[in-house]
């Protein structure tokens, strides 16, 4: 299983075999490293593997400095800036949850204003007014759903 877990995960997803999919997620997650986390995160997204995705997100947050030095991260920056942005936003949101653990604000931790975010082209953008942006996004989702 360990040797072919990635291929079996893809097949388990395609043929909708949940127990096999979970077993593959566990096998892949157990071998997760800073070198492999970017590729495995993309695999988890494509195969709808939430447990594996969560393990990847935790490793990314814990060892981001090491991940940034990998060939996979450089490839992601050069070829898929939207995925890079998505990863950076998730890391930023995780940091916001740590800095603002209280739910007393009307904004959820995901939409609280932040000091800034490093985007793929490395321009620094100030994220003020994130709550109104989130409300706009929710409206767009409702319009698209009709």
Protein backbone atom coordinates (compact mmCIF):
# COMPACT_ATOMS: atom_id res chain seq x y z
CA UNK A 1 0.00 0.00 0.00
CA UNK A 2 2.72 2.49 0.96
CA UNK A 3 4.48 2.10 -2.36
CA UNK A 4 1.41 2.82 -4.51
CA UNK A 5 -0.76 4.85 -2.13
CA UNK A 6 -0.93 7.89 -4.43
CA UNK A 7 -2.10 5.87 -7.42
CA UNK A 8 -4.55 3.87 -5.31
CA UNK A 9 -5.95 7.11 -3.82
CA UNK A 10 -6.69 8.41 -7.31
CA UNK A 11 -8.42 5.17 -8.20
CA UNK A 12 -10.32 5.01 -4.90
CA UNK A 13 -11.56 8.53 -5.55
CA UNK A 14 -12.54 7.77 -9.14
CA UNK A 15 -14.37 4.57 -8.20
CA UNK A 16 -15.80 6.03 -4.97
CA UNK A 17 -14.38 3.54 -2.47
CA UNK A 18 -14.35 5.56 0.80
CA UNK A 19 -12.65 3.01 3.05
CA UNK A 20 -9.78 2.59 0.58
CA UNK A 21 -9.53 6.33 0.13
CA UNK A 22 -9.19 6.85 3.91
CA UNK A 23 -6.52 4.15 4.10
CA UNK A 24 -4.56 5.82 1.31
CA UNK A 25 -4.90 9.23 2.98
CA UNK A 26 -3.42 7.75 6.15
CA UNK A 27 -0.54 6.07 4.31
CA UNK A 28 0.33 9.20 2.34
CA UNK A 29 -0.06 11.46 5.38
CA UNK A 30 2.29 9.30 7.43
CA UNK A 31 5.09 9.89 4.90
CA UNK A 32 4.43 13.61 4.42
CA UNK A 33 7.55 15.83 4.35
CA UNK A 34 8.34 19.45 3.54
CA UNK A 35 9.57 18.27 0.12
CA UNK A 36 6.33 16.45 -0.75
CA UNK A 37 3.67 18.58 0.95
CA UNK A 38 2.97 20.91 -2.01
CA UNK A 39 2.36 18.03 -4.40
CA UNK A 40 0.33 16.09 -1.86
CA UNK A 41 -1.79 19.17 -1.11
CA UNK A 42 -2.70 19.43 -4.78
CA UNK A 43 -3.48 15.71 -4.84
CA UNK A 44 -5.69 16.11 -1.75
CA UNK A 45 -7.59 18.94 -3.46
CA UNK A 46 -8.08 16.96 -6.67
CA UNK A 47 -9.16 13.77 -4.90
CA UNK A 48 -11.38 15.48 -2.32
CA UNK A 49 -9.34 14.09 0.56
CA UNK A 50 -10.08 16.36 3.56
CA UNK A 51 -8.02 14.47 6.14
CA UNK A 52 -4.99 14.53 3.91
CA UNK A 53 -5.61 18.18 3.10
CA UNK A 54 -5.69 19.02 6.80
CA UNK A 55 -2.42 17.17 7.45
CA UNK A 56 -0.81 19.09 4.59
CA UNK A 57 -2.10 22.42 5.89
CA UNK A 58 -0.73 21.69 9.36
CA UNK A 59 2.69 20.74 7.99
CA UNK A 60 2.74 23.83 5.77
CA UNK A 61 1.98 26.07 8.74
CA UNK A 62 4.55 24.32 10.92
CA UNK A 63 7.42 24.15 8.44
CA UNK A 64 6.70 26.85 5.86
CA UNK A 65 10.30 28.10 5.81
CA UNK A 66 11.48 24.64 4.74
CA UNK A 67 8.63 24.28 2.20
CA UNK A 68 9.56 27.63 0.61
CA UNK A 69 13.01 26.26 -0.22
CA UNK A 70 11.69 23.21 -2.10
CA UNK A 71 11.63 22.75 -5.84
CA UNK A 72 7.89 22.02 -5.67
CA UNK A 73 7.21 25.44 -4.12
CA UNK A 74 9.30 27.22 -6.76
CA UNK A 75 7.45 25.29 -9.47
CA UNK A 76 4.12 26.30 -7.90
CA UNK A 77 5.17 29.96 -7.82
CA UNK A 78 6.18 29.91 -11.47
CA UNK A 79 3.32 27.83 -12.87
CA UNK A 80 0.27 28.15 -10.60
CA UNK A 81 0.17 31.52 -8.82
CA UNK A 82 -3.50 31.04 -7.91
CA UNK A 83 -2.70 27.87 -5.98
CA UNK A 84 0.20 29.68 -4.30
CA UNK A 85 -2.14 32.51 -3.35
CA UNK A 86 -4.66 30.00 -2.01
CA UNK A 87 -1.99 28.36 0.16
CA UNK A 88 -0.73 31.73 1.44
CA UNK A 89 -4.28 32.84 2.24
CA UNK A 90 -4.92 29.67 4.23
CA UNK A 91 -1.70 30.21 6.18
CA UNK A 92 -2.67 33.81 6.77
CA UNK A 93 -6.15 32.79 7.97
CA UNK A 94 -4.61 30.27 10.35
CA UNK A 95 -2.42 33.03 11.77
CA UNK A 96 -5.46 35.29 12.17
CA UNK A 97 -7.27 32.60 14.15
CA UNK A 98 -4.27 32.40 16.48
CA UNK A 99 -4.10 36.19 16.92
CA UNK A 100 -7.86 36.70 17.27
CA UNK A 101 -9.23 33.59 19.03
CA UNK A 102 -12.28 35.42 20.41
CA UNK A 103 -15.49 35.24 18.40
CA UNK A 104 -16.82 38.49 19.88
CA UNK A 105 -16.32 40.37 16.62
CA UNK A 106 -19.00 40.36 13.95
CA UNK A 107 -16.41 39.09 11.49
CA UNK A 108 -15.36 35.47 11.47
CA UNK A 109 -11.59 34.88 11.90
CA UNK A 110 -11.37 34.21 8.18
CA UNK A 111 -12.60 37.70 7.31
CA UNK A 112 -11.02 39.92 9.94
CA UNK A 113 -8.92 42.78 8.60
CA UNK A 114 -5.25 41.98 8.48
CA UNK A 115 -1.99 43.84 8.22
CA UNK A 116 -1.23 42.44 4.79
CA UNK A 117 -0.58 39.44 2.62
CA UNK A 118 2.27 38.56 0.31
CA UNK A 119 0.81 37.83 -3.13
CA UNK A 120 2.45 35.71 -5.85
CA UNK A 121 4.03 38.69 -7.59
CA UNK A 122 5.35 39.70 -4.15
CA UNK A 123 3.45 42.99 -3.97
CA UNK A 124 2.35 43.79 -0.45
CA UNK A 125 -1.40 44.34 -0.28
CA UNK A 126 -3.27 45.77 2.68
CA UNK A 127 -6.40 43.77 3.46
CA UNK A 128 -8.51 46.42 5.14
CA UNK A 129 -12.25 46.11 4.79
CA UNK A 130 -12.12 42.34 4.50
CA UNK A 131 -15.57 41.98 6.06
CA UNK A 132 -17.26 44.00 3.32
CA UNK A 133 -15.27 42.03 0.77
CA UNK A 134 -16.56 38.81 2.32
CA UNK A 135 -20.15 40.08 2.13
CA UNK A 136 -19.64 40.93 -1.55
CA UNK A 137 -18.25 37.45 -2.13
CA UNK A 138 -21.28 35.87 -0.46
CA UNK A 139 -23.57 37.86 -2.74
CA UNK A 140 -21.64 36.70 -5.78
CA UNK A 141 -21.99 33.09 -4.68
CA UNK A 142 -25.76 33.49 -4.33
CA UNK A 143 -26.03 35.09 -7.76
CA UNK A 144 -23.97 32.32 -9.34
CA UNK A 145 -26.11 29.68 -7.60
CA UNK A 146 -29.30 30.93 -9.31
